[in-house]
Amino acid sequence: MFVWQQQEVICQSQRLMYSFEYWTGNALLDITGTPAEIAQALFTAPFVVVSHGTQADPIFNYGNQQALTLWEFSWEEFTTLPSRKSAEEIVQQERDRLLVETTHKGYCHYSATRISKTGQRFYIEDGIIWNVVDDENRKWGQAAVFSEYKFI
């Protein structure tokens, strides 16, 4: 079974798509189809999408193939990783500020440095962080999307 065929991934994909459009007014991905087809398209999209849950120390609960490749993790590794570990200690305060701003505004634009499993640093440009909600306005965490980055 592929990652995008798992029921929890299909549901999270639906929440990501819905909440991105809810906050920004734009589609995360211009696609129609069954929930499973949409989950596959989001997982294989040519840009990075990640999300974490609502825990006190949020754990990643989604990373598409571009994210897994960039951060150099398997799905199993990535979805057990506290999202704060995607950033070096030196930038934690700015990361925390962005997450608080997103909590209050619904979404925000950002640029930031992150680090992969093997220590490869990269700079994200023109990213968007948003609150993940469902169609009943229940909060499921936060997500980020970006397509522009450079290794540093």
Protein backbone atom coordinates (compact mmCIF):
# COMPACT_ATOMS: atom_id res chain seq x y z
CA MET A 1 0.00 0.00 0.00
CA PHE A 2 1.31 3.44 -0.94
CA VAL A 3 1.37 6.20 1.69
CA TRP A 4 -1.37 8.18 -0.07
CA GLN A 5 -3.68 5.13 0.02
CA GLN A 6 -3.82 5.09 3.83
CA GLN A 7 -7.14 6.36 5.16
CA GLU A 8 -5.51 8.77 7.62
CA VAL A 9 -3.41 10.28 4.81
CA ILE A 10 -6.48 10.65 2.59
CA CYS A 11 -8.30 12.45 5.43
CA GLN A 12 -5.30 14.69 6.19
CA SER A 13 -4.97 15.52 2.49
CA GLN A 14 -8.61 16.63 2.47
CA ARG A 15 -8.03 18.83 5.54
CA LEU A 16 -4.89 20.34 4.00
CA MET A 17 -6.69 21.16 0.76
CA TYR A 18 -9.79 22.53 2.51
CA SER A 19 -7.99 24.65 5.11
CA PHE A 20 -5.48 26.15 2.67
CA GLU A 21 -8.33 27.42 0.52
CA TYR A 22 -10.31 28.48 3.61
CA TRP A 23 -7.50 30.76 4.82
CA THR A 24 -5.93 31.96 1.58
CA GLY A 25 -8.80 31.85 -0.91
CA ASN A 26 -6.57 29.87 -3.27
CA ALA A 27 -6.41 26.18 -4.12
CA LEU A 28 -3.38 24.32 -2.79
CA LEU A 29 -3.56 22.07 -5.84
CA ASP A 30 -5.80 22.52 -8.86
CA ILE A 31 -7.33 19.05 -9.08
CA THR A 32 -10.64 17.27 -8.92
CA GLY A 33 -11.27 13.61 -8.32
CA THR A 34 -11.91 11.14 -5.57
CA PRO A 35 -10.35 11.78 -2.15
CA ALA A 36 -7.81 9.02 -2.90
CA GLU A 37 -6.88 10.60 -6.25
CA ILE A 38 -6.46 13.98 -4.59
CA ALA A 39 -4.30 12.42 -1.84
CA GLN A 40 -2.08 10.85 -4.48
CA ALA A 41 -1.78 14.13 -6.40
CA LEU A 42 -0.85 16.05 -3.24
CA PHE A 43 1.67 13.41 -2.19
CA THR A 44 3.36 13.51 -5.61
CA ALA A 45 3.02 17.29 -6.16
CA PRO A 46 6.10 19.17 -7.41
CA PHE A 47 6.25 21.31 -4.23
CA VAL A 48 6.77 20.63 -0.52
CA VAL A 49 3.81 20.18 1.86
CA VAL A 50 4.21 19.30 5.54
CA SER A 51 1.92 19.41 8.56
CA HIS A 52 2.06 18.77 12.27
CA GLY A 53 -0.57 18.03 14.88
CA THR A 54 -1.81 19.90 17.93
CA GLN A 55 0.40 18.25 20.57
CA ALA A 56 2.30 20.45 23.06
CA ASP A 57 5.45 19.49 21.10
CA PRO A 58 3.84 18.97 17.67
CA ILE A 59 4.78 15.87 15.67
CA PHE A 60 4.79 15.88 11.88
CA ASN A 61 1.72 14.00 10.62
CA TYR A 62 2.19 14.61 6.91
CA GLY A 63 5.02 15.17 4.48
CA ASN A 64 4.62 14.66 0.76
CA GLN A 65 7.32 12.99 -1.35
CA GLN A 66 9.09 16.30 -2.03
CA ALA A 67 9.27 16.94 1.74
CA LEU A 68 10.52 13.44 2.53
CA THR A 69 13.21 13.75 -0.13
CA LEU A 70 14.29 17.23 1.00
CA TRP A 71 14.46 16.33 4.69
CA GLU A 72 15.92 12.89 3.87
CA PHE A 73 13.42 10.89 5.94
CA SER A 74 11.18 7.92 5.31
CA TRP A 75 7.45 8.40 5.94
CA GLU A 76 7.77 6.37 9.15
CA GLU A 77 10.67 8.50 10.43
CA PHE A 78 9.13 11.81 9.43
CA THR A 79 5.75 11.14 11.04
CA THR A 80 7.39 10.48 14.42
CA LEU A 81 9.58 13.61 14.32
CA PRO A 82 8.74 16.66 16.43
CA SER A 83 8.42 19.46 13.87
CA ARG A 84 10.75 21.71 15.89
CA LYS A 85 13.58 19.34 14.92
CA SER A 86 13.27 20.48 11.30
CA ALA A 87 14.89 23.75 12.40
CA GLU A 88 18.23 24.30 14.09
CA GLU A 89 18.25 25.53 17.70
CA ILE A 90 19.48 28.94 16.61
CA VAL A 91 16.28 29.66 14.62
CA GLN A 92 13.77 28.12 17.08
CA GLN A 93 12.63 31.49 18.42
CA GLU A 94 11.76 32.76 14.92
CA ARG A 95 10.01 29.46 14.10
CA ASP A 96 7.96 29.74 17.30
CA ARG A 97 7.04 33.35 16.45
CA LEU A 98 5.81 32.30 13.00
CA LEU A 99 3.64 29.54 14.47
CA VAL A 100 2.07 31.96 16.97
CA GLU A 101 1.44 34.53 14.22
CA THR A 102 -0.21 31.81 12.13
CA THR A 103 -2.37 30.74 15.07
CA HIS A 104 -3.73 34.28 15.35
CA LYS A 105 -4.03 35.22 11.67
CA GLY A 106 -4.89 31.85 10.08
CA TYR A 107 -1.89 31.90 7.78
CA CYS A 108 1.32 33.82 7.10
CA HIS A 109 4.11 34.01 4.57
CA TYR A 110 7.60 33.05 5.63
CA SER A 111 11.19 32.44 4.61
CA ALA A 112 13.41 30.36 6.85
CA THR A 113 16.40 28.07 7.18
CA ARG A 114 15.75 24.41 7.92
CA ILE A 115 17.94 21.32 8.28
CA SER A 116 17.67 17.77 6.95
CA LYS A 117 18.32 14.51 8.78
CA THR A 118 21.95 14.46 7.57
CA GLY A 119 22.59 18.10 8.50
CA GLN A 120 22.04 19.63 5.06
CA ARG A 121 20.81 23.19 5.57
CA PHE A 122 18.44 24.85 3.11
CA TYR A 123 16.77 28.21 2.87
CA ILE A 124 13.03 28.28 2.14
CA GLU A 125 11.74 31.25 0.17
CA ASP A 126 8.13 32.44 -0.17
CA GLY A 127 6.54 29.72 1.96
CA ILE A 128 3.09 29.80 3.52
CA ILE A 129 2.16 28.42 6.93
CA TRP A 130 -1.52 27.92 7.73
CA ASN A 131 -3.78 26.51 10.42
CA VAL A 132 -5.21 23.13 9.45
CA VAL A 133 -8.95 23.01 10.11
CA ASP A 134 -11.75 20.80 8.89
CA ASP A 135 -15.12 21.80 7.49
CA GLU A 136 -16.50 22.00 11.04
CA ASN A 137 -13.70 24.44 12.00
CA ARG A 138 -11.96 21.95 14.30
CA LYS A 139 -8.24 22.63 14.55
CA TRP A 140 -5.94 19.80 13.43
CA GLY A 141 -2.57 21.57 13.60
CA GLN A 142 -0.57 23.66 11.17
CA ALA A 143 0.92 23.08 7.74
CA ALA A 144 3.44 24.66 5.40
CA VAL A 145 3.94 24.73 1.67
CA PHE A 146 6.82 25.98 -0.45
CA SER A 147 8.45 25.31 -3.77
CA GLU A 148 11.43 27.66 -3.68
CA TYR A 149 14.48 26.69 -1.64
CA LYS A 150 18.26 26.63 -1.98
CA PHE A 151 20.89 24.60 -0.21
CA ILE A 152 23.29 26.59 1.94
